[in-house]
C-alpha atoms as a PDB file:
ATOM      1  CA  MET A   1     158.604  -5.095  15.597  1.00  0.00           C
ATOM      2  CA  PRO A   2     155.517  -6.727  17.634  1.00  0.00           C
ATOM      3  CA  ALA A   3     152.697  -5.651  15.674  1.00  0.00           C
ATOM      4  CA  ILE A   4     150.408  -5.923  19.081  1.00  0.00           C
ATOM      5  CA  SER A   5     150.571  -3.515  21.450  1.00  0.00           C
ATOM      6  CA  PRO A   6     151.043  -4.355  25.053  1.00  0.00           C
ATOM      7  CA  LEU A   7     148.497  -1.201  25.864  1.00  0.00           C
ATOM      8  CA  ALA A   8     145.718  -3.879  23.421  1.00  0.00           C
ATOM      9  CA  GLY A   9     145.110  -5.771  26.733  1.00  0.00           C
ATOM     10  CA  GLU A  10     147.127  -9.743  24.718  1.00  0.00           C
ATOM     11  CA  PRO A  11     150.634 -10.254  26.347  1.00  0.00           C
ATOM     12  CA  ILE A  12     153.459  -9.505  24.509  1.00  0.00           C
ATOM     13  CA  LYS A  13     156.014 -12.285  23.671  1.00  0.00           C
ATOM     14  CA  ARG A  14     158.964 -12.660  25.106  1.00  0.00           C
ATOM     15  CA  ALA A  15     161.147 -12.675  21.886  1.00  0.00           C
ATOM     16  CA  ASP A  16     158.627  -9.330  20.657  1.00  0.00           C
ATOM     17  CA  ALA A  17     159.555  -7.873  24.797  1.00  0.00           C
ATOM     18  CA  GLU A  18     163.001  -8.326  23.793  1.00  0.00           C
ATOM     19  CA  ARG A  19     163.481  -6.944  21.083  1.00  0.00           C
ATOM     20  CA  LEU A  20     161.541  -3.585  21.983  1.00  0.00           C
ATOM     21  CA  ALA A  21     163.393  -3.348  24.924  1.00  0.00           C
ATOM     22  CA  GLY A  22     165.919  -3.320  23.215  1.00  0.00           C
ATOM     23  CA  VAL A  23     165.555  -0.398  20.600  1.00  0.00           C
ATOM     24  CA  LEU A  24     163.800   1.474  24.245  1.00  0.00           C
ATOM     25  CA  LYS A  25     167.080   1.233  25.538  1.00  0.00           C
ATOM     26  CA  ALA A  26     168.349   2.702  22.429  1.00  0.00           C
ATOM     27  CA  PHE A  27     166.049   5.509  22.245  1.00  0.00           C
ATOM     28  CA  ALA A  28     166.883   6.431  26.359  1.00  0.00           C
ATOM     29  CA  ASP A  29     169.402   8.351  26.313  1.00  0.00           C
ATOM     30  CA  PRO A  30     169.527  12.522  24.808  1.00  0.00           C
ATOM     31  CA  ALA A  31     172.201  12.774  22.986  1.00  0.00           C
ATOM     32  CA  ARG A  32     170.274   9.605  20.809  1.00  0.00           C
ATOM     33  CA  LEU A  33     167.978  11.419  20.963  1.00  0.00           C
ATOM     34  CA  ARG A  34     168.974  14.824  19.641  1.00  0.00           C
ATOM     35  CA  LEU A  35     170.679  12.954  16.707  1.00  0.00           C
ATOM     36  CA  LEU A  36     167.244  11.548  15.853  1.00  0.00           C
ATOM     37  CA  SER A  37     166.297  15.035  15.746  1.00  0.00           C
ATOM     38  CA  LEU A  38     168.940  16.617  14.252  1.00  0.00           C
ATOM     39  CA  ILE A  39     169.368  13.659  10.502  1.00  0.00           C
ATOM     40  CA  GLN A  40     164.580  14.155  10.478  1.00  0.00           C
ATOM     41  CA  ALA A  41     165.368  18.303   9.992  1.00  0.00           C
ATOM     42  CA  SER A  42     168.280  17.958   8.335  1.00  0.00           C
ATOM     43  CA  PRO A  43     167.409  19.449   4.969  1.00  0.00           C
ATOM     44  CA  GLU A  44     168.411  16.068   3.042  1.00  0.00           C
ATOM     45  CA  GLY A  45     167.269  14.018   5.819  1.00  0.00           C
ATOM     46  CA  GLU A  46     170.819  12.746   6.470  1.00  0.00           C
ATOM     47  CA  ALA A  47     173.411  13.696   8.461  1.00  0.00           C
ATOM     48  CA  SER A  48     177.041  12.585   8.783  1.00  0.00           C
ATOM     49  CA  VAL A  49     179.346  11.848  11.496  1.00  0.00           C
ATOM     50  CA  SER A  50     180.703  15.672  11.278  1.00  0.00           C
ATOM     51  CA  ASP A  51     177.659  17.276  10.553  1.00  0.00           C
ATOM     52  CA  LEU A  52     176.760  16.287  14.131  1.00  0.00           C
ATOM     53  CA  THR A  53     179.152  16.758  16.466  1.00  0.00           C
ATOM     54  CA  ALA A  54     179.179  20.413  16.935  1.00  0.00           C
ATOM     55  CA  PRO A  55     176.040  20.841  17.348  1.00  0.00           C
ATOM     56  CA  LEU A  56     175.559  17.653  20.090  1.00  0.00           C
ATOM     57  CA  GLY A  57     178.878  19.489  21.684  1.00  0.00           C
ATOM     58  CA  LEU A  58     180.426  15.987  21.676  1.00  0.00           C
ATOM     59  CA  SER A  59     182.813  14.167  19.868  1.00  0.00           C
ATOM     60  CA  GLN A  60     183.687  11.945  17.249  1.00  0.00           C
ATOM     61  CA  PRO A  61     183.838   8.872  18.860  1.00  0.00           C
ATOM     62  CA  THR A  62     180.837   9.535  21.279  1.00  0.00           C
ATOM     63  CA  VAL A  63     178.799  10.683  18.274  1.00  0.00           C
ATOM     64  CA  SER A  64     180.085   7.458  15.862  1.00  0.00           C
ATOM     65  CA  HIS A  65     179.646   5.196  18.854  1.00  0.00           C
ATOM     66  CA  HIS A  66     175.219   6.477  19.631  1.00  0.00           C
ATOM     67  CA  LEU A  67     175.082   5.907  15.583  1.00  0.00           C
ATOM     68  CA  ARG A  68     175.676   2.355  15.773  1.00  0.00           C
ATOM     69  CA  ILE A  69     173.552   1.842  18.093  1.00  0.00           C
ATOM     70  CA  LEU A  70     170.673   3.359  16.833  1.00  0.00           C
ATOM     71  CA  THR A  71     171.525   1.544  13.811  1.00  0.00           C
ATOM     72  CA  GLU A  72     171.775  -2.014  14.791  1.00  0.00           C
ATOM     73  CA  ALA A  73     168.622  -0.988  17.462  1.00  0.00           C
ATOM     74  CA  GLY A  74     167.484  -1.294  13.753  1.00  0.00           C
ATOM     75  CA  LEU A  75     165.912   2.726  14.139  1.00  0.00           C
ATOM     76  CA  LEU A  76     168.750   3.896  11.453  1.00  0.00           C
ATOM     77  CA  GLU A  77     170.661   2.710   8.305  1.00  0.00           C
ATOM     78  CA  ARG A  78     173.439   3.832   7.023  1.00  0.00           C
ATOM     79  CA  ASP A  79     175.182   4.323   3.482  1.00  0.00           C
ATOM     80  CA  LYS A  80     179.061   4.819   3.256  1.00  0.00           C
ATOM     81  CA  ARG A  81     180.110   6.920   0.230  1.00  0.00           C
ATOM     82  CA  GLY A  82     183.518   7.004   0.242  1.00  0.00           C
ATOM     83  CA  VAL A  83     185.493   7.079   3.761  1.00  0.00           C
ATOM     84  CA  TRP A  84     182.338   9.145   4.859  1.00  0.00           C
ATOM     85  CA  ALA A  85     178.669   7.347   5.876  1.00  0.00           C
ATOM     86  CA  TYR A  86     175.053   8.738   6.179  1.00  0.00           C
ATOM     87  CA  TYR A  87     172.280   7.890   8.560  1.00  0.00           C
ATOM     88  CA  ARG A  88     168.459   8.335   7.612  1.00  0.00           C
ATOM     89  CA  LEU A  89     165.601   7.114  10.158  1.00  0.00           C
ATOM     90  CA  VAL A  90     163.783   4.224   9.520  1.00  0.00           C
ATOM     91  CA  PRO A  91     160.566   5.632   9.536  1.00  0.00           C
ATOM     92  CA  SER A  92     158.855   2.209  10.159  1.00  0.00           C
ATOM     93  CA  ALA A  93     160.663   1.405  12.945  1.00  0.00           C
ATOM     94  CA  ILE A  94     160.150   5.025  14.446  1.00  0.00           C
ATOM     95  CA  THR A  95     156.276   4.538  13.040  1.00  0.00           C
ATOM     96  CA  ALA A  96     156.436   0.950  15.197  1.00  0.00           C
ATOM     97  CA  ILE A  97     156.817   1.828  18.103  1.00  0.00           C
ATOM     98  CA  ALA A  98     154.966   5.027  18.080  1.00  0.00           C
ATOM     99  CA  GLU A  99     151.819   2.325  16.779  1.00  0.00           C
ATOM    100  CA  LEU A 100     152.924   0.143  19.700  1.00  0.00           C
ATOM    101  CA  LEU A 101     153.143   2.480  22.225  1.00  0.00           C
ATOM    102  CA  THR A 102     149.398   4.607  21.050  1.00  0.00           C
ATOM    103  CA  PRO A 103     146.970   3.403  22.547  1.00  0.00           C
ATOM    104  CA  PRO A 104     144.352   1.654  20.352  1.00  0.00           C
ATOM    105  CA  ARG A 105     141.669   4.138  20.386  1.00  0.00           C
ATOM    106  CA  LYS A 106     143.681   6.591  20.053  1.00  0.00           C
ATOM    107  CA  ARG A 107     145.699   5.403  17.021  1.00  0.00           C
ATOM    108  CA  ALA A 108     141.492   4.930  15.411  1.00  0.00           C
ATOM    109  CA  THR A 109     141.307   8.344  15.778  1.00  0.00           C
ATOM    110  CA  LYS A 110     144.793   9.842  15.360  1.00  0.00           C
ATOM    111  CA  LYS A 111     143.759   7.985  11.294  1.00  0.00           C
ATOM    112  CA  ILE A 112     140.380   9.377  10.642  1.00  0.00           C
ATOM    113  CA  ARG A 113     141.741  13.092  10.595  1.00  0.00           C
END
């Protein structure tokens, strides 16, 4: 994830822009945003596909597809336990996106609080 925000007035490098675009594409789907929210809100901070299908109202293959995209984008980690896979957020990835999209003046204000 790039360390310099494009909102800081410095041009973003091509490779960083391509990486960021891929991550933002993963975010740019209502089902994926809900998945991230459901996983974050789960009591253990992790969930399996079976935990997520009913709340989303989507089939298991569709939920698995969305989880794969989020995992490949680096937003989720996958932990295989027996026949089940559990997913949890990668806090550093979420923080990096938030930092990148937050103007520098706003970042300084948030850190002071």
